[in-house]
Amino acid sequence: MSDAIPRKRTAAKIASICGAGENKYNCVPPIRFYEPKLALDESDPDDQVHLIVKANVDEEDSRINVTSLTFLKIKTFMMNGPLIASQQHKMEQDIFIPDGITGVTNLDKRCAHCKRIVTEDARSAYVEILKNARTTFMEERAEDLDEAKKESLLSKKESHFFKWLKQEPNEENGPVNKNMLTGAECCAEFDQIVNFEIGKLAWGTPHEVYEDHLRYLSNDIIKLLATTVKELVLRFDCMYALKNFLPPPHKRDDEASEADWDKQKVPITFDEQRRSQFNTLPISYKEALKDKDDKDWKGMTRTTWMQYLSRFETKDKA
């Protein structure tokens, strides 16, 4: 998962930095910055799953227009948050965005892809979560439906339910819910219920994990000598992207509908990310950056920022 650890680095070298690079004793972050897991191409083949997808989504289906993508299997949801978040992020980047299925009404297509990487206990748990989410949604948003219709939607295949979920309130079959939500709004709510329930299994304190993750990135990391500045910056990119796959801020006993999903969607600002990177640097780097009369490190472009850090790094290694 980590862009900060080169794929060719050996297991011994990865182990040597495991648990290091943090400025607090017994620091237990949701996802460690210096990820101790092996790179994907060094993992056990039994832990991998290969998905065949279209190589070019703009071209017609054919035997040559395919490619294989490798993911790590999710065998359990229980306390497995870091792996789940990393594979969700990878699936978004490698499949959802290229295929153009990030929109809320493409929820059924995304669920189908997710089923391809969950196995063993996680597979049965995911099926159960999807089933229970139907019931929860119907109880909260479809009180106006007659019992026969409800039973049909709960008992038939998911494809039948998703088709109903996407209906607009003014369609032929009448309103899908008493609140007259659009199909997109219904899909978004259902997606939130599913992810909320997964989060309850995947994290020890799901109501705190989002804010703990951001606090950790801002305050608790130090640059290791073995980590290059390029690795450091790329890892920050990855770690901040993972926030979108964490449970949103909420109180301990909240339900999915009470969580702060809007806050989860707020992008990290340029200033926040730059400050986090600055805080990890050695004192010598920080002092050198502050001494630049012609350049304010807080306003440097990414290219200029990397150029200065690379110079300091070269000087360190001389």
Protein backbone atom coordinates (compact mmCIF):
# COMPACT_ATOMS: atom_id res chain seq x y z
CA MET A 1 0.00 0.00 0.00
CA SER A 2 2.70 2.44 1.01
CA ASP A 3 4.31 4.62 -1.62
CA ALA A 4 6.88 5.55 1.02
CA ILE A 5 8.48 2.10 1.07
CA PRO A 6 10.14 1.04 -2.19
CA ARG A 7 8.80 -2.23 -3.58
CA LYS A 8 12.28 -3.77 -3.74
CA ARG A 9 13.08 -3.13 -0.11
CA THR A 10 13.63 -6.39 1.76
CA ALA A 11 11.51 -7.65 4.62
CA ALA A 12 14.44 -7.12 7.00
CA LYS A 13 14.73 -3.47 6.09
CA ILE A 14 10.99 -2.99 6.46
CA ALA A 15 11.08 -4.64 9.87
CA SER A 16 13.94 -2.38 10.93
CA ILE A 17 11.72 0.72 10.70
CA CYS A 18 8.57 -0.84 12.11
CA GLY A 19 7.44 1.12 15.17
CA ALA A 20 10.03 3.84 14.58
CA GLY A 21 9.53 7.34 13.23
CA GLU A 22 7.12 8.56 15.91
CA ASN A 23 7.79 11.13 18.58
CA LYS A 24 5.55 9.67 21.28
CA TYR A 25 6.15 6.62 23.42
CA ASN A 26 3.59 3.85 22.87
CA CYS A 27 1.98 5.77 20.04
CA VAL A 28 -0.91 3.72 18.63
CA PRO A 29 -2.23 5.48 15.51
CA PRO A 30 -5.08 4.12 13.38
CA ILE A 31 -2.68 3.60 10.46
CA ARG A 32 1.07 3.79 10.94
CA PHE A 33 2.95 6.19 8.71
CA TYR A 34 5.87 3.77 8.36
CA GLU A 35 3.78 0.82 7.28
CA PRO A 36 5.37 -2.45 8.49
CA LYS A 37 3.53 -4.67 6.01
CA LEU A 38 5.40 -6.09 3.05
CA ALA A 39 4.92 -4.59 -0.37
CA LEU A 40 2.22 -6.13 -2.55
CA ASP A 41 4.68 -7.97 -4.78
CA GLU A 42 6.38 -9.49 -1.72
CA SER A 43 3.18 -10.73 -0.04
CA ASP A 44 2.07 -14.36 0.08
CA PRO A 45 0.32 -15.30 -3.19
CA ASP A 46 -2.44 -16.88 -1.10
CA ASP A 47 -3.20 -13.42 0.27
CA GLN A 48 -3.64 -11.93 -3.19
CA VAL A 49 -6.57 -11.78 -5.57
CA HIS A 50 -6.26 -10.88 -9.25
CA LEU A 51 -9.10 -8.98 -10.90
CA ILE A 52 -9.47 -8.97 -14.67
CA VAL A 53 -10.74 -5.57 -15.89
CA LYS A 54 -10.81 -3.63 -19.14
CA ALA A 55 -7.45 -2.12 -19.98
CA ASN A 56 -9.03 0.78 -21.86
CA VAL A 57 -12.56 1.64 -20.74
CA ASP A 58 -13.18 3.68 -23.90
CA GLU A 59 -12.66 0.69 -26.19
CA GLU A 60 -14.97 -2.23 -26.86
CA ASP A 61 -14.84 -5.47 -24.88
CA SER A 62 -12.36 -7.92 -26.35
CA ARG A 63 -9.88 -10.56 -25.31
CA ILE A 64 -6.96 -8.19 -25.79
CA ASN A 65 -8.56 -5.20 -24.01
CA VAL A 66 -8.03 -6.63 -20.55
CA THR A 67 -5.53 -6.28 -17.77
CA SER A 68 -5.01 -7.94 -14.38
CA LEU A 69 -4.99 -5.91 -11.16
CA THR A 70 -3.66 -7.39 -7.94
CA PHE A 71 -5.27 -6.67 -4.56
CA LEU A 72 -4.72 -8.06 -1.11
CA LYS A 73 -7.57 -10.25 0.10
CA ILE A 74 -9.68 -8.97 2.95
CA LYS A 75 -10.30 -12.14 4.93
CA THR A 76 -11.87 -10.52 7.97
CA PHE A 77 -13.31 -7.14 8.92
CA MET A 78 -12.54 -7.55 12.62
CA MET A 79 -9.87 -5.00 13.65
CA ASN A 80 -8.57 -4.97 10.10
CA GLY A 81 -9.06 -1.27 9.39
CA PRO A 82 -5.67 -0.39 7.85
CA LEU A 83 -5.88 -3.15 5.24
CA ILE A 84 -9.52 -2.38 4.43
CA ALA A 85 -8.82 1.34 3.98
CA SER A 86 -5.76 0.69 1.81
CA GLN A 87 -7.60 -1.71 -0.50
CA GLN A 88 -10.63 0.58 -0.75
CA HIS A 89 -8.30 3.40 -1.78
CA LYS A 90 -6.54 1.20 -4.31
CA MET A 91 -9.84 0.04 -5.76
CA GLU A 92 -11.01 3.64 -6.14
CA GLN A 93 -7.81 4.65 -7.92
CA ASP A 94 -7.43 1.55 -10.11
CA ILE A 95 -11.04 0.69 -10.94
CA PHE A 96 -13.73 3.16 -9.85
CA ILE A 97 -12.14 6.32 -11.24
CA PRO A 98 -10.95 4.80 -14.56
CA ASP A 99 -14.34 3.12 -15.05
CA GLY A 100 -16.25 6.28 -14.16
CA ILE A 101 -18.27 4.64 -11.38
CA THR A 102 -17.52 6.96 -8.46
CA GLY A 103 -20.99 8.51 -8.59
CA VAL A 104 -23.41 7.60 -5.81
CA THR A 105 -25.85 5.88 -8.19
CA ASN A 106 -23.08 3.47 -9.25
CA LEU A 107 -23.15 2.01 -5.75
CA ASP A 108 -24.25 -1.41 -7.01
CA LYS A 109 -21.26 -1.65 -9.37
CA ARG A 110 -18.83 -0.68 -6.62
CA CYS A 111 -20.34 -3.24 -4.24
CA ALA A 112 -19.93 -5.93 -6.90
CA HIS A 113 -16.24 -5.11 -7.25
CA CYS A 114 -15.74 -5.06 -3.46
CA LYS A 115 -17.20 -8.56 -3.21
CA ARG A 116 -14.37 -9.76 -5.42
CA ILE A 117 -11.69 -9.00 -2.80
CA VAL A 118 -13.49 -10.01 0.40
CA THR A 119 -13.07 -13.68 1.28
CA GLU A 120 -13.65 -16.13 4.14
CA ASP A 121 -15.19 -14.43 7.22
CA ALA A 122 -15.22 -11.03 5.56
CA ARG A 123 -17.29 -12.36 2.67
CA SER A 124 -20.10 -13.62 4.87
CA ALA A 125 -19.90 -10.46 7.02
CA TYR A 126 -20.17 -8.23 3.96
CA VAL A 127 -23.22 -10.09 2.64
CA GLU A 128 -24.85 -9.81 6.08
CA ILE A 129 -24.05 -6.08 6.34
CA LEU A 130 -25.61 -5.43 2.92
CA LYS A 131 -28.69 -7.40 3.93
CA ASN A 132 -29.07 -5.59 7.26
CA ALA A 133 -28.49 -2.23 5.58
CA ARG A 134 -31.56 -2.89 3.43
CA THR A 135 -33.64 -3.38 6.55
CA THR A 136 -32.22 -0.28 8.24
CA PHE A 137 -32.85 1.89 5.20
CA MET A 138 -36.40 0.61 4.77
CA GLU A 139 -37.19 1.29 8.44
CA GLU A 140 -35.86 4.84 8.26
CA ARG A 141 -36.91 5.93 4.78
CA ALA A 142 -39.68 3.74 3.43
CA GLU A 143 -42.41 3.76 6.05
CA ASP A 144 -45.01 4.68 3.43
CA LEU A 145 -44.59 1.45 1.48
CA ASP A 146 -47.06 -1.36 1.99
CA GLU A 147 -45.82 -4.48 3.74
CA ALA A 148 -45.90 -6.64 0.63
CA LYS A 149 -43.62 -4.23 -1.24
CA LYS A 150 -41.24 -4.03 1.71
CA GLU A 151 -41.04 -7.80 1.98
CA SER A 152 -40.36 -8.07 -1.74
CA LEU A 153 -37.51 -5.55 -1.58
CA LEU A 154 -35.96 -7.25 1.44
CA SER A 155 -36.18 -10.80 0.13
CA LYS A 156 -35.32 -10.45 -3.56
CA LYS A 157 -31.86 -10.13 -5.07
CA GLU A 158 -29.73 -7.06 -4.45
CA SER A 159 -30.13 -5.99 -8.07
CA HIS A 160 -33.89 -5.64 -7.48
CA PHE A 161 -33.31 -3.53 -4.37
CA PHE A 162 -30.70 -1.30 -6.03
CA LYS A 163 -33.04 -0.67 -8.97
CA TRP A 164 -35.73 0.47 -6.54
CA LEU A 165 -33.22 2.52 -4.54
CA LYS A 166 -32.30 4.60 -7.61
CA GLN A 167 -35.89 5.54 -8.45
CA GLU A 168 -36.88 9.17 -8.36
CA PRO A 169 -39.90 10.14 -6.20
CA ASN A 170 -42.00 11.07 -9.23
CA GLU A 171 -41.50 7.83 -11.15
CA GLU A 172 -44.36 5.54 -12.11
CA ASN A 173 -44.17 3.39 -9.00
CA GLY A 174 -44.71 6.41 -6.77
CA PRO A 175 -42.47 7.84 -4.04
CA VAL A 176 -39.79 5.46 -2.82
CA ASN A 177 -39.76 7.05 0.63
CA LYS A 178 -41.81 9.41 2.72
CA ASN A 179 -39.10 12.11 2.63
CA MET A 180 -39.14 12.29 -1.17
CA LEU A 181 -35.38 11.82 -1.43
CA THR A 182 -33.87 11.55 -4.90
CA GLY A 183 -32.38 8.29 -6.12
CA ALA A 184 -28.89 9.72 -5.62
CA GLU A 185 -29.68 10.72 -2.04
CA CYS A 186 -31.06 7.26 -1.30
CA CYS A 187 -27.94 5.59 -2.70
CA ALA A 188 -25.70 7.90 -0.67
CA GLU A 189 -27.55 7.06 2.55
CA PHE A 190 -27.43 3.34 1.89
CA ASP A 191 -23.70 3.55 1.14
CA GLN A 192 -23.16 5.37 4.44
CA ILE A 193 -25.02 2.68 6.38
CA VAL A 194 -22.86 -0.05 4.83
CA ASN A 195 -19.55 1.72 5.43
CA PHE A 196 -20.55 2.70 8.96
CA GLU A 197 -21.23 -0.94 9.87
CA ILE A 198 -17.94 -2.09 8.36
CA GLY A 199 -16.17 0.62 10.36
CA LYS A 200 -17.67 -0.65 13.62
CA LEU A 201 -16.01 -4.02 13.02
CA ALA A 202 -12.75 -2.76 11.53
CA TRP A 203 -11.67 -0.25 14.19
CA GLY A 204 -11.36 -0.43 17.97
CA THR A 205 -12.74 3.10 18.48
CA PRO A 206 -14.51 3.94 15.21
CA HIS A 207 -15.99 7.15 16.63
CA GLU A 208 -12.48 8.55 17.20
CA VAL A 209 -10.43 7.06 14.38
CA TYR A 210 -10.93 9.89 11.85
CA GLU A 211 -9.75 12.67 14.15
CA ASP A 212 -7.00 10.48 15.64
CA HIS A 213 -5.67 9.86 12.13
CA LEU A 214 -5.46 13.57 11.27
CA ARG A 215 -3.97 14.44 14.66
CA TYR A 216 -1.31 11.76 14.19
CA LEU A 217 -0.33 13.06 10.76
CA SER A 218 -0.08 16.62 12.08
CA ASN A 219 1.92 16.01 15.24
CA ASP A 220 3.37 12.56 15.83
CA ILE A 221 5.69 11.69 12.94
CA ILE A 222 9.41 12.26 12.48
CA LYS A 223 11.40 11.68 9.32
CA LEU A 224 13.60 8.61 9.47
CA LEU A 225 17.10 8.81 8.04
CA ALA A 226 16.36 5.79 5.83
CA THR A 227 13.31 7.53 4.34
CA THR A 228 13.96 9.86 1.42
CA VAL A 229 12.13 13.16 1.17
CA LYS A 230 10.33 11.89 -1.93
CA GLU A 231 9.12 8.83 -0.02
CA LEU A 232 8.04 11.08 2.85
CA VAL A 233 5.94 13.40 0.69
CA LEU A 234 4.36 10.57 -1.29
CA ARG A 235 3.47 8.75 1.91
CA PHE A 236 1.75 11.91 3.20
CA ASP A 237 -0.27 12.03 -0.03
CA CYS A 238 -1.36 8.44 0.54
CA MET A 239 -2.10 8.85 4.25
CA TYR A 240 -4.27 11.91 3.72
CA ALA A 241 -6.14 10.15 0.90
CA LEU A 242 -6.93 7.30 3.30
CA LYS A 243 -8.95 9.62 5.53
CA ASN A 244 -11.84 9.27 3.09
CA PHE A 245 -12.05 5.57 3.91
CA LEU A 246 -12.21 5.97 7.68
CA PRO A 247 -15.42 6.14 9.73
CA PRO A 248 -16.60 9.77 9.90
CA PRO A 249 -16.49 11.69 13.18
CA HIS A 250 -19.37 10.71 15.45
CA LYS A 251 -20.30 10.03 19.06
CA ARG A 252 -19.86 6.55 20.49
CA ASP A 253 -23.54 5.56 20.31
CA ASP A 254 -24.45 7.37 17.09
CA GLU A 255 -26.02 5.64 14.12
CA ALA A 256 -24.85 6.15 10.55
CA SER A 257 -27.39 8.92 9.96
CA GLU A 258 -26.00 10.91 12.91
CA ALA A 259 -22.32 10.79 11.87
CA ASP A 260 -20.61 13.86 10.40
CA TRP A 261 -20.25 12.67 6.81
CA ASP A 262 -19.83 16.25 5.57
CA LYS A 263 -16.72 16.71 7.69
CA GLN A 264 -15.26 13.48 6.35
CA LYS A 265 -15.55 14.86 2.80
CA VAL A 266 -13.78 18.18 3.52
CA PRO A 267 -10.47 18.12 1.61
CA ILE A 268 -7.24 18.64 3.51
CA THR A 269 -5.95 22.10 2.74
CA PHE A 270 -2.57 22.81 1.18
CA ASP A 271 -1.49 24.60 4.39
CA GLU A 272 -2.47 21.66 6.61
CA GLN A 273 -0.55 19.15 4.54
CA ARG A 274 2.51 21.39 4.21
CA ARG A 275 2.58 22.02 7.96
CA SER A 276 2.36 18.27 8.64
CA GLN A 277 5.32 17.61 6.36
CA PHE A 278 7.32 20.43 7.93
CA ASN A 279 6.68 19.06 11.44
CA THR A 280 8.29 15.74 10.54
CA LEU A 281 11.57 17.24 9.33
CA PRO A 282 14.89 17.25 11.22
CA ILE A 283 15.71 20.46 13.06
CA SER A 284 18.47 21.29 10.57
CA TYR A 285 15.96 21.19 7.69
CA LYS A 286 13.50 23.39 9.57
CA GLU A 287 16.11 25.99 10.45
CA ALA A 288 17.38 26.11 6.88
CA LEU A 289 13.84 26.61 5.57
CA LYS A 290 13.17 29.41 8.03
CA ASP A 291 16.39 31.15 7.00
CA LYS A 292 15.27 31.48 3.38
CA ASP A 293 14.61 35.22 3.20
CA ASP A 294 13.44 35.03 -0.40
CA LYS A 295 11.15 32.03 0.07
CA ASP A 296 8.44 31.25 2.60
CA TRP A 297 8.30 27.47 3.00
CA LYS A 298 4.55 27.67 3.65
CA GLY A 299 3.93 29.16 0.22
CA MET A 300 6.37 27.16 -1.88
CA THR A 301 4.99 25.20 -4.80
CA ARG A 302 5.29 21.44 -4.48
CA THR A 303 8.16 21.46 -7.00
CA THR A 304 10.10 24.15 -5.12
CA TRP A 305 9.42 22.44 -1.80
CA MET A 306 10.80 19.15 -3.11
CA GLN A 307 13.85 20.89 -4.58
CA TYR A 308 14.78 22.44 -1.24
CA LEU A 309 14.22 19.22 0.71
CA SER A 310 16.29 17.27 -1.82
CA ARG A 311 19.17 19.72 -1.40
CA PHE A 312 19.09 19.32 2.37
CA GLU A 313 19.00 15.55 1.94
CA THR A 314 21.99 15.55 -0.42
CA LYS A 315 23.92 17.69 2.05
CA ASP A 316 23.06 15.27 4.87
CA LYS A 317 24.40 12.32 2.92
CA ALA A 318 27.61 14.07 1.83
